[in-house]
Amino acid sequence: EPSVSVIVASNRPEMTERIFNTVKNQDYGNMELVIALHGEGFQESYADLLGTDLPVTILRYPQETIFGNVLSEGFRDLKIPFFVLAWSLKVF
């Protein structure tokens, strides 16, 4: 059972793998990742992300859904009461 949940809402398909790797590479290992995909252009399947020791939940929402609602929906799938909220991922 994870002790920290990381929730990321994204409308940028090109960032999905980077989001996963950023969380996966954290020193703290007892986490789950919820990725809320917003809009079009995402892969049909992310089997490579789901086949690891990091528990990952992938949610999908149409472009018409308000972005804040996409993030809020991600909270419903949490397995624990503590979470990390990521509004955007900036990579330098």
PDB file of N, CA and C in Angstrom:
ATOM      1  N   GLU A   1       0.851  -1.192   0.000  1.00  0.00           N
ATOM      2  CA  GLU A   1       0.000   0.000   0.000  1.00  0.00           C
ATOM      3  C   GLU A   1       0.888   1.243   0.000  1.00  0.00           C
ATOM      4  N   PRO A   2       0.726   2.142  -0.999  1.00  0.00           N
ATOM      5  CA  PRO A   2       1.552   3.354  -1.053  1.00  0.00           C
ATOM      6  C   PRO A   2       1.232   4.296   0.105  1.00  0.00           C
ATOM      7  N   SER A   3       2.226   5.103   0.482  1.00  0.00           N
ATOM      8  CA  SER A   3       2.009   6.087   1.534  1.00  0.00           C
ATOM      9  C   SER A   3       1.954   7.511   0.988  1.00  0.00           C
ATOM     10  N   VAL A   4       2.297   7.710  -0.289  1.00  0.00           N
ATOM     11  CA  VAL A   4       2.218   9.017  -0.940  1.00  0.00           C
ATOM     12  C   VAL A   4       1.624   8.826  -2.330  1.00  0.00           C
ATOM     13  N   SER A   5       0.697   9.698  -2.687  1.00  0.00           N
ATOM     14  CA  SER A   5       0.124   9.702  -4.030  1.00  0.00           C
ATOM     15  C   SER A   5       0.581  10.946  -4.762  1.00  0.00           C
ATOM     16  N   VAL A   6       0.983  10.769  -5.999  1.00  0.00           N
ATOM     17  CA  VAL A   6       1.346  11.889  -6.872  1.00  0.00           C
ATOM     18  C   VAL A   6       0.297  11.944  -7.965  1.00  0.00           C
ATOM     19  N   ILE A   7      -0.360  13.089  -8.081  1.00  0.00           N
ATOM     20  CA  ILE A   7      -1.405  13.276  -9.084  1.00  0.00           C
ATOM     21  C   ILE A   7      -0.928  14.326 -10.073  1.00  0.00           C
ATOM     22  N   VAL A   8      -0.978  13.982 -11.351  1.00  0.00           N
ATOM     23  CA  VAL A   8      -0.578  14.924 -12.391  1.00  0.00           C
ATOM     24  C   VAL A   8      -1.665  14.936 -13.462  1.00  0.00           C
ATOM     25  N   ALA A   9      -2.182  16.119 -13.768  1.00  0.00           N
ATOM     26  CA  ALA A   9      -3.090  16.299 -14.897  1.00  0.00           C
ATOM     27  C   ALA A   9      -2.281  16.929 -16.023  1.00  0.00           C
ATOM     28  N   SER A  10      -2.423  16.380 -17.224  1.00  0.00           N
ATOM     29  CA  SER A  10      -1.628  16.883 -18.343  1.00  0.00           C
ATOM     30  C   SER A  10      -2.442  16.893 -19.623  1.00  0.00           C
ATOM     31  N   ASN A  11      -2.236  17.936 -20.417  1.00  0.00           N
ATOM     32  CA  ASN A  11      -2.823  17.991 -21.753  1.00  0.00           C
ATOM     33  C   ASN A  11      -1.706  17.954 -22.804  1.00  0.00           C
ATOM     34  N   ARG A  12      -0.543  17.469 -22.391  1.00  0.00           N
ATOM     35  CA  ARG A  12       0.630  17.408 -23.269  1.00  0.00           C
ATOM     36  C   ARG A  12       1.096  15.959 -23.425  1.00  0.00           C
ATOM     37  N   PRO A  13       0.661  15.280 -24.486  1.00  0.00           N
ATOM     38  CA  PRO A  13       1.005  13.876 -24.689  1.00  0.00           C
ATOM     39  C   PRO A  13       2.504  13.603 -24.658  1.00  0.00           C
ATOM     40  N   GLU A  14       3.301  14.544 -25.135  1.00  0.00           N
ATOM     41  CA  GLU A  14       4.742  14.334 -25.193  1.00  0.00           C
ATOM     42  C   GLU A  14       5.394  14.293 -23.808  1.00  0.00           C
ATOM     43  N   MET A  15       4.666  14.678 -22.766  1.00  0.00           N
ATOM     44  CA  MET A  15       5.215  14.705 -21.412  1.00  0.00           C
ATOM     45  C   MET A  15       4.864  13.468 -20.590  1.00  0.00           C
ATOM     46  N   THR A  16       4.030  12.580 -21.092  1.00  0.00           N
ATOM     47  CA  THR A  16       3.547  11.457 -20.289  1.00  0.00           C
ATOM     48  C   THR A  16       4.684  10.582 -19.776  1.00  0.00           C
ATOM     49  N   GLU A  17       5.587  10.191 -20.635  1.00  0.00           N
ATOM     50  CA  GLU A  17       6.701   9.342 -20.207  1.00  0.00           C
ATOM     51  C   GLU A  17       7.625  10.089 -19.250  1.00  0.00           C
ATOM     52  N   ARG A  18       7.860  11.351 -19.484  1.00  0.00           N
ATOM     53  CA  ARG A  18       8.716  12.152 -18.598  1.00  0.00           C
ATOM     54  C   ARG A  18       8.092  12.283 -17.210  1.00  0.00           C
ATOM     55  N   ILE A  19       6.786  12.486 -17.153  1.00  0.00           N
ATOM     56  CA  ILE A  19       6.089  12.544 -15.864  1.00  0.00           C
ATOM     57  C   ILE A  19       6.309  11.242 -15.109  1.00  0.00           C
ATOM     58  N   PHE A  20       6.091  10.121 -15.798  1.00  0.00           N
ATOM     59  CA  PHE A  20       6.282   8.814 -15.175  1.00  0.00           C
ATOM     60  C   PHE A  20       7.710   8.659 -14.656  1.00  0.00           C
ATOM     61  N   ASN A  21       8.695   8.953 -15.492  1.00  0.00           N
ATOM     62  CA  ASN A  21      10.096   8.775 -15.101  1.00  0.00           C
ATOM     63  C   ASN A  21      10.494   9.684 -13.949  1.00  0.00           C
ATOM     64  N   THR A  22       9.973  10.894 -13.917  1.00  0.00           N
ATOM     65  CA  THR A  22      10.284  11.815 -12.824  1.00  0.00           C
ATOM     66  C   THR A  22       9.814  11.246 -11.492  1.00  0.00           C
ATOM     67  N   VAL A  23       8.613  10.701 -11.469  1.00  0.00           N
ATOM     68  CA  VAL A  23       8.098  10.111 -10.229  1.00  0.00           C
ATOM     69  C   VAL A  23       8.827   8.807  -9.919  1.00  0.00           C
ATOM     70  N   LYS A  24       9.009   7.974 -10.915  1.00  0.00           N
ATOM     71  CA  LYS A  24       9.666   6.671 -10.726  1.00  0.00           C
ATOM     72  C   LYS A  24      11.080   6.823 -10.167  1.00  0.00           C
ATOM     73  N   ASN A  25      11.780   7.868 -10.542  1.00  0.00           N
ATOM     74  CA  ASN A  25      13.170   8.058 -10.141  1.00  0.00           C
ATOM     75  C   ASN A  25      13.342   8.771  -8.802  1.00  0.00           C
ATOM     76  N   GLN A  26      12.277   9.023  -8.087  1.00  0.00           N
ATOM     77  CA  GLN A  26      12.377   9.637  -6.768  1.00  0.00           C
ATOM     78  C   GLN A  26      13.021   8.661  -5.783  1.00  0.00           C
ATOM     79  N   ASP A  27      13.714   9.203  -4.795  1.00  0.00           N
ATOM     80  CA  ASP A  27      14.354   8.368  -3.775  1.00  0.00           C
ATOM     81  C   ASP A  27      13.330   7.632  -2.919  1.00  0.00           C
ATOM     82  N   TYR A  28      12.222   8.293  -2.641  1.00  0.00           N
ATOM     83  CA  TYR A  28      11.180   7.673  -1.829  1.00  0.00           C
ATOM     84  C   TYR A  28      10.412   6.701  -2.711  1.00  0.00           C
ATOM     85  N   GLY A  29      10.340   5.458  -2.335  1.00  0.00           N
ATOM     86  CA  GLY A  29       9.785   4.458  -3.227  1.00  0.00           C
ATOM     87  C   GLY A  29       8.369   4.023  -2.967  1.00  0.00           C
ATOM     88  N   ASN A  30       7.758   4.440  -1.876  1.00  0.00           N
ATOM     89  CA  ASN A  30       6.438   3.943  -1.517  1.00  0.00           C
ATOM     90  C   ASN A  30       5.354   4.903  -2.013  1.00  0.00           C
ATOM     91  N   MET A  31       5.242   5.024  -3.355  1.00  0.00           N
ATOM     92  CA  MET A  31       4.328   5.995  -3.951  1.00  0.00           C
ATOM     93  C   MET A  31       3.415   5.330  -4.966  1.00  0.00           C
ATOM     94  N   GLU A  32       2.368   6.043  -5.292  1.00  0.00           N
ATOM     95  CA  GLU A  32       1.529   5.702  -6.440  1.00  0.00           C
ATOM     96  C   GLU A  32       1.454   6.941  -7.316  1.00  0.00           C
ATOM     97  N   LEU A  33       1.207   6.743  -8.598  1.00  0.00           N
ATOM     98  CA  LEU A  33       1.091   7.839  -9.553  1.00  0.00           C
ATOM     99  C   LEU A  33      -0.267   7.756 -10.226  1.00  0.00           C
ATOM    100  N   VAL A  34      -0.994   8.870 -10.209  1.00  0.00           N
ATOM    101  CA  VAL A  34      -2.252   8.994 -10.945  1.00  0.00           C
ATOM    102  C   VAL A  34      -2.020  10.056 -12.011  1.00  0.00           C
ATOM    103  N   ILE A  35      -2.125   9.650 -13.274  1.00  0.00           N
ATOM    104  CA  ILE A  35      -1.968  10.586 -14.390  1.00  0.00           C
ATOM    105  C   ILE A  35      -3.331  10.778 -15.034  1.00  0.00           C
ATOM    106  N   ALA A  36      -3.810  12.009 -15.036  1.00  0.00           N
ATOM    107  CA  ALA A  36      -5.090  12.350 -15.661  1.00  0.00           C
ATOM    108  C   ALA A  36      -4.797  12.994 -17.017  1.00  0.00           C
ATOM    109  N   LEU A  37      -5.056  12.258 -18.080  1.00  0.00           N
ATOM    110  CA  LEU A  37      -4.779  12.719 -19.436  1.00  0.00           C
ATOM    111  C   LEU A  37      -5.967  13.526 -19.935  1.00  0.00           C
ATOM    112  N   HIS A  38      -5.684  14.743 -20.388  1.00  0.00           N
ATOM    113  CA  HIS A  38      -6.738  15.687 -20.753  1.00  0.00           C
ATOM    114  C   HIS A  38      -6.644  16.016 -22.235  1.00  0.00           C
ATOM    115  N   GLY A  39      -7.598  15.524 -23.014  1.00  0.00           N
ATOM    116  CA  GLY A  39      -7.634  15.867 -24.426  1.00  0.00           C
ATOM    117  C   GLY A  39      -7.196  14.735 -25.326  1.00  0.00           C
ATOM    118  N   GLU A  40      -6.791  15.106 -26.525  1.00  0.00           N
ATOM    119  CA  GLU A  40      -6.461  14.144 -27.579  1.00  0.00           C
ATOM    120  C   GLU A  40      -4.949  14.036 -27.765  1.00  0.00           C
ATOM    121  N   GLY A  41      -4.555  13.030 -28.537  1.00  0.00           N
ATOM    122  CA  GLY A  41      -3.160  12.873 -28.917  1.00  0.00           C
ATOM    123  C   GLY A  41      -2.369  11.917 -28.039  1.00  0.00           C
ATOM    124  N   PHE A  42      -3.006  11.375 -27.004  1.00  0.00           N
ATOM    125  CA  PHE A  42      -2.322  10.431 -26.130  1.00  0.00           C
ATOM    126  C   PHE A  42      -2.368   9.037 -26.743  1.00  0.00           C
ATOM    127  N   GLN A  43      -1.416   8.194 -26.364  1.00  0.00           N
ATOM    128  CA  GLN A  43      -1.390   6.815 -26.841  1.00  0.00           C
ATOM    129  C   GLN A  43      -2.640   6.079 -26.350  1.00  0.00           C
ATOM    130  N   GLU A  44      -3.031   5.050 -27.104  1.00  0.00           N
ATOM    131  CA  GLU A  44      -4.165   4.217 -26.686  1.00  0.00           C
ATOM    132  C   GLU A  44      -3.824   3.443 -25.423  1.00  0.00           C
ATOM    133  N   SER A  45      -2.569   3.004 -25.315  1.00  0.00           N
ATOM    134  CA  SER A  45      -2.145   2.189 -24.185  1.00  0.00           C
ATOM    135  C   SER A  45      -0.775   2.653 -23.699  1.00  0.00           C
ATOM    136  N   TYR A  46      -0.569   2.530 -22.408  1.00  0.00           N
ATOM    137  CA  TYR A  46       0.726   2.818 -21.803  1.00  0.00           C
ATOM    138  C   TYR A  46       1.184   1.598 -21.017  1.00  0.00           C
ATOM    139  N   ALA A  47       1.210   0.448 -21.694  1.00  0.00           N
ATOM    140  CA  ALA A  47       1.565  -0.812 -21.034  1.00  0.00           C
ATOM    141  C   ALA A  47       2.950  -0.760 -20.416  1.00  0.00           C
ATOM    142  N   ASP A  48       3.882  -0.031 -21.037  1.00  0.00           N
ATOM    143  CA  ASP A  48       5.238   0.063 -20.496  1.00  0.00           C
ATOM    144  C   ASP A  48       5.269   0.790 -19.154  1.00  0.00           C
ATOM    145  N   LEU A  49       4.327   1.687 -18.912  1.00  0.00           N
ATOM    146  CA  LEU A  49       4.265   2.386 -17.629  1.00  0.00           C
ATOM    147  C   LEU A  49       3.574   1.533 -16.569  1.00  0.00           C
ATOM    148  N   LEU A  50       2.661   0.708 -16.994  1.00  0.00           N
ATOM    149  CA  LEU A  50       1.874  -0.091 -16.061  1.00  0.00           C
ATOM    150  C   LEU A  50       2.595  -1.362 -15.626  1.00  0.00           C
ATOM    151  N   GLY A  51       3.635  -1.753 -16.330  1.00  0.00           N
ATOM    152  CA  GLY A  51       4.323  -2.990 -16.021  1.00  0.00           C
ATOM    153  C   GLY A  51       5.528  -2.814 -15.115  1.00  0.00           C
ATOM    154  N   THR A  52       5.498  -1.858 -14.207  1.00  0.00           N
ATOM    155  CA  THR A  52       6.628  -1.602 -13.313  1.00  0.00           C
ATOM    156  C   THR A  52       6.176  -1.755 -11.862  1.00  0.00           C
ATOM    157  N   ASP A  53       7.119  -1.555 -10.944  1.00  0.00           N
ATOM    158  CA  ASP A  53       6.773  -1.667  -9.525  1.00  0.00           C
ATOM    159  C   ASP A  53       6.130  -0.391  -8.969  1.00  0.00           C
ATOM    160  N   LEU A  54       6.041   0.674  -9.777  1.00  0.00           N
ATOM    161  CA  LEU A  54       5.336   1.893  -9.367  1.00  0.00           C
ATOM    162  C   LEU A  54       3.866   1.733  -9.734  1.00  0.00           C
ATOM    163  N   PRO A  55       2.964   1.731  -8.745  1.00  0.00           N
ATOM    164  CA  PRO A  55       1.537   1.649  -9.083  1.00  0.00           C
ATOM    165  C   PRO A  55       1.098   2.898  -9.854  1.00  0.00           C
ATOM    166  N   VAL A  56       0.530   2.698 -11.033  1.00  0.00           N
ATOM    167  CA  VAL A  56       0.117   3.799 -11.901  1.00  0.00           C
ATOM    168  C   VAL A  56      -1.344   3.620 -12.275  1.00  0.00           C
ATOM    169  N   THR A  57      -2.102   4.701 -12.144  1.00  0.00           N
ATOM    170  CA  THR A  57      -3.476   4.751 -12.633  1.00  0.00           C
ATOM    171  C   THR A  57      -3.528   5.804 -13.720  1.00  0.00           C
ATOM    172  N   ILE A  58      -4.047   5.451 -14.883  1.00  0.00           N
ATOM    173  CA  ILE A  58      -4.172   6.401 -15.983  1.00  0.00           C
ATOM    174  C   ILE A  58      -5.652   6.662 -16.222  1.00  0.00           C
ATOM    175  N   LEU A  59      -6.024   7.931 -16.107  1.00  0.00           N
ATOM    176  CA  LEU A  59      -7.401   8.372 -16.333  1.00  0.00           C
ATOM    177  C   LEU A  59      -7.429   9.208 -17.605  1.00  0.00           C
ATOM    178  N   ARG A  60      -8.527   9.178 -18.328  1.00  0.00           N
ATOM    179  CA  ARG A  60      -8.646   9.941 -19.579  1.00  0.00           C
ATOM    180  C   ARG A  60      -9.900  10.815 -19.557  1.00  0.00           C
ATOM    181  N   TYR A  61      -9.726  12.043 -20.038  1.00  0.00           N
ATOM    182  CA  TYR A  61     -10.834  12.996 -20.071  1.00  0.00           C
ATOM    183  C   TYR A  61     -10.826  13.737 -21.403  1.00  0.00           C
ATOM    184  N   PRO A  62     -12.007  14.002 -21.960  1.00  0.00           N
ATOM    185  CA  PRO A  62     -12.064  14.740 -23.229  1.00  0.00           C
ATOM    186  C   PRO A  62     -11.642  16.198 -23.048  1.00  0.00           C
ATOM    187  N   GLN A  63     -11.234  16.798 -24.150  1.00  0.00           N
ATOM    188  CA  GLN A  63     -10.768  18.188 -24.152  1.00  0.00           C
ATOM    189  C   GLN A  63     -11.814  19.146 -23.579  1.00  0.00           C
ATOM    190  N   GLU A  64     -13.103  18.814 -23.749  1.00  0.00           N
ATOM    191  CA  GLU A  64     -14.172  19.701 -23.278  1.00  0.00           C
ATOM    192  C   GLU A  64     -14.244  19.789 -21.755  1.00  0.00           C
ATOM    193  N   THR A  65     -13.654  18.831 -21.068  1.00  0.00           N
ATOM    194  CA  THR A  65     -13.678  18.833 -19.605  1.00  0.00           C
ATOM    195  C   THR A  65     -12.799  19.963 -19.091  1.00  0.00           C
ATOM    196  N   ILE A  66     -13.296  20.723 -18.146  1.00  0.00           N
ATOM    197  CA  ILE A  66     -12.517  21.811 -17.552  1.00  0.00           C
ATOM    198  C   ILE A  66     -11.290  21.210 -16.881  1.00  0.00           C
ATOM    199  N   PHE A  67     -10.119  21.815 -17.150  1.00  0.00           N
ATOM    200  CA  PHE A  67      -8.850  21.250 -16.669  1.00  0.00           C
ATOM    201  C   PHE A  67      -8.837  21.056 -15.153  1.00  0.00           C
ATOM    202  N   GLY A  68      -9.382  21.996 -14.408  1.00  0.00           N
ATOM    203  CA  GLY A  68      -9.450  21.843 -12.950  1.00  0.00           C
ATOM    204  C   GLY A  68     -10.279  20.648 -12.534  1.00  0.00           C
ATOM    205  N   ASN A  69     -11.324  20.352 -13.279  1.00  0.00           N
ATOM    206  CA  ASN A  69     -12.148  19.179 -12.996  1.00  0.00           C
ATOM    207  C   ASN A  69     -11.384  17.880 -13.271  1.00  0.00           C
ATOM    208  N   VAL A  70     -10.521  17.901 -14.272  1.00  0.00           N
ATOM    209  CA  VAL A  70      -9.694  16.728 -14.569  1.00  0.00           C
ATOM    210  C   VAL A  70      -8.822  16.409 -13.359  1.00  0.00           C
ATOM    211  N   LEU A  71      -8.206  17.426 -12.803  1.00  0.00           N
ATOM    212  CA  LEU A  71      -7.354  17.237 -11.627  1.00  0.00           C
ATOM    213  C   LEU A  71      -8.181  16.770 -10.434  1.00  0.00           C
ATOM    214  N   SER A  72      -9.321  17.374 -10.227  1.00  0.00           N
ATOM    215  CA  SER A  72     -10.191  16.981  -9.110  1.00  0.00           C
ATOM    216  C   SER A  72     -10.614  15.527  -9.221  1.00  0.00           C
ATOM    217  N   GLU A  73     -10.925  15.075 -10.422  1.00  0.00           N
ATOM    218  CA  GLU A  73     -11.319  13.687 -10.629  1.00  0.00           C
ATOM    219  C   GLU A  73     -10.196  12.729 -10.255  1.00  0.00           C
ATOM    220  N   GLY A  74      -8.962  13.147 -10.463  1.00  0.00           N
ATOM    221  CA  GLY A  74      -7.828  12.309 -10.112  1.00  0.00           C
ATOM    222  C   GLY A  74      -7.773  11.987  -8.630  1.00  0.00           C
ATOM    223  N   PHE A  75      -8.251  12.889  -7.801  1.00  0.00           N
ATOM    224  CA  PHE A  75      -8.254  12.662  -6.365  1.00  0.00           C
ATOM    225  C   PHE A  75      -9.171  11.510  -5.964  1.00  0.00           C
ATOM    226  N   ARG A  76     -10.170  11.241  -6.751  1.00  0.00           N
ATOM    227  CA  ARG A  76     -11.132  10.184  -6.412  1.00  0.00           C
ATOM    228  C   ARG A  76     -10.524   8.787  -6.454  1.00  0.00           C
ATOM    229  N   ASP A  77      -9.447   8.623  -7.206  1.00  0.00           N
ATOM    230  CA  ASP A  77      -8.837   7.298  -7.356  1.00  0.00           C
ATOM    231  C   ASP A  77      -7.680   7.053  -6.392  1.00  0.00           C
ATOM    232  N   LEU A  78      -7.438   7.967  -5.478  1.00  0.00           N
ATOM    233  CA  LEU A  78      -6.321   7.793  -4.539  1.00  0.00           C
ATOM    234  C   LEU A  78      -6.551   6.608  -3.619  1.00  0.00           C
ATOM    235  N   LYS A  79      -5.474   5.932  -3.301  1.00  0.00           N
ATOM    236  CA  LYS A  79      -5.547   4.807  -2.385  1.00  0.00           C
ATOM    237  C   LYS A  79      -5.254   5.223  -0.948  1.00  0.00           C
ATOM    238  N   ILE A  80      -4.753   6.441  -0.764  1.00  0.00           N
ATOM    239  CA  ILE A  80      -4.367   6.928   0.569  1.00  0.00           C
ATOM    240  C   ILE A  80      -4.826   8.368   0.756  1.00  0.00           C
ATOM    241  N   PRO A  81      -4.845   8.858   1.991  1.00  0.00           N
ATOM    242  CA  PRO A  81      -5.337  10.211   2.232  1.00  0.00           C
ATOM    243  C   PRO A  81      -4.296  11.319   2.035  1.00  0.00           C
ATOM    244  N   PHE A  82      -3.024  10.993   1.779  1.00  0.00           N
ATOM    245  CA  PHE A  82      -1.982  12.004   1.587  1.00  0.00           C
ATOM    246  C   PHE A  82      -1.572  12.027   0.128  1.00  0.00           C
ATOM    247  N   PHE A  83      -1.269  13.212  -0.386  1.00  0.00           N
ATOM    248  CA  PHE A  83      -0.961  13.307  -1.809  1.00  0.00           C
ATOM    249  C   PHE A  83      -0.018  14.470  -2.072  1.00  0.00           C
ATOM    250  N   VAL A  84       0.597  14.430  -3.271  1.00  0.00           N
ATOM    251  CA  VAL A  84       1.399  15.529  -3.799  1.00  0.00           C
ATOM    252  C   VAL A  84       0.661  16.021  -5.024  1.00  0.00           C
ATOM    253  N   LEU A  85       0.432  17.308  -5.111  1.00  0.00           N
ATOM    254  CA  LEU A  85      -0.299  17.891  -6.230  1.00  0.00           C
ATOM    255  C   LEU A  85       0.695  18.567  -7.164  1.00  0.00           C
ATOM    256  N   ALA A  86       0.702  18.185  -8.432  1.00  0.00           N
ATOM    257  CA  ALA A  86       1.599  18.772  -9.422  1.00  0.00           C
ATOM    258  C   ALA A  86       0.754  19.457 -10.493  1.00  0.00           C
ATOM    259  N   TRP A  87       0.806  20.773 -10.535  1.00  0.00           N
ATOM    260  CA  TRP A  87       0.040  21.512 -11.548  1.00  0.00           C
ATOM    261  C   TRP A  87       0.701  21.455 -12.905  1.00  0.00           C
ATOM    262  N   SER A  88       2.023  21.533 -12.919  1.00  0.00           N
ATOM    263  CA  SER A  88       2.740  21.426 -14.189  1.00  0.00           C
ATOM    264  C   SER A  88       4.126  20.888 -13.914  1.00  0.00           C
ATOM    265  N   LEU A  89       4.709  20.322 -14.912  1.00  0.00           N
ATOM    266  CA  LEU A  89       6.035  19.755 -14.805  1.00  0.00           C
ATOM    267  C   LEU A  89       6.977  20.580 -15.642  1.00  0.00           C
ATOM    268  N   LYS A  90       7.921  21.242 -15.024  1.00  0.00           N
ATOM    269  CA  LYS A  90       8.901  22.035 -15.744  1.00  0.00           C
ATOM    270  C   LYS A  90      10.225  21.297 -15.700  1.00  0.00           C
ATOM    271  N   VAL A  91      10.788  21.063 -16.843  1.00  0.00           N
ATOM    272  CA  VAL A  91      12.066  20.375 -16.910  1.00  0.00           C
ATOM    273  C   VAL A  91      13.091  21.345 -17.464  1.00  0.00           C
ATOM    274  N   PHE A  92      14.166  21.513 -16.747  1.00  0.00           N
ATOM    275  CA  PHE A  92      15.206  22.461 -17.180  1.00  0.00           C
ATOM    276  C   PHE A  92      16.376  21.729 -17.785  1.00  0.00           C
TER     277      PHE A  92
END
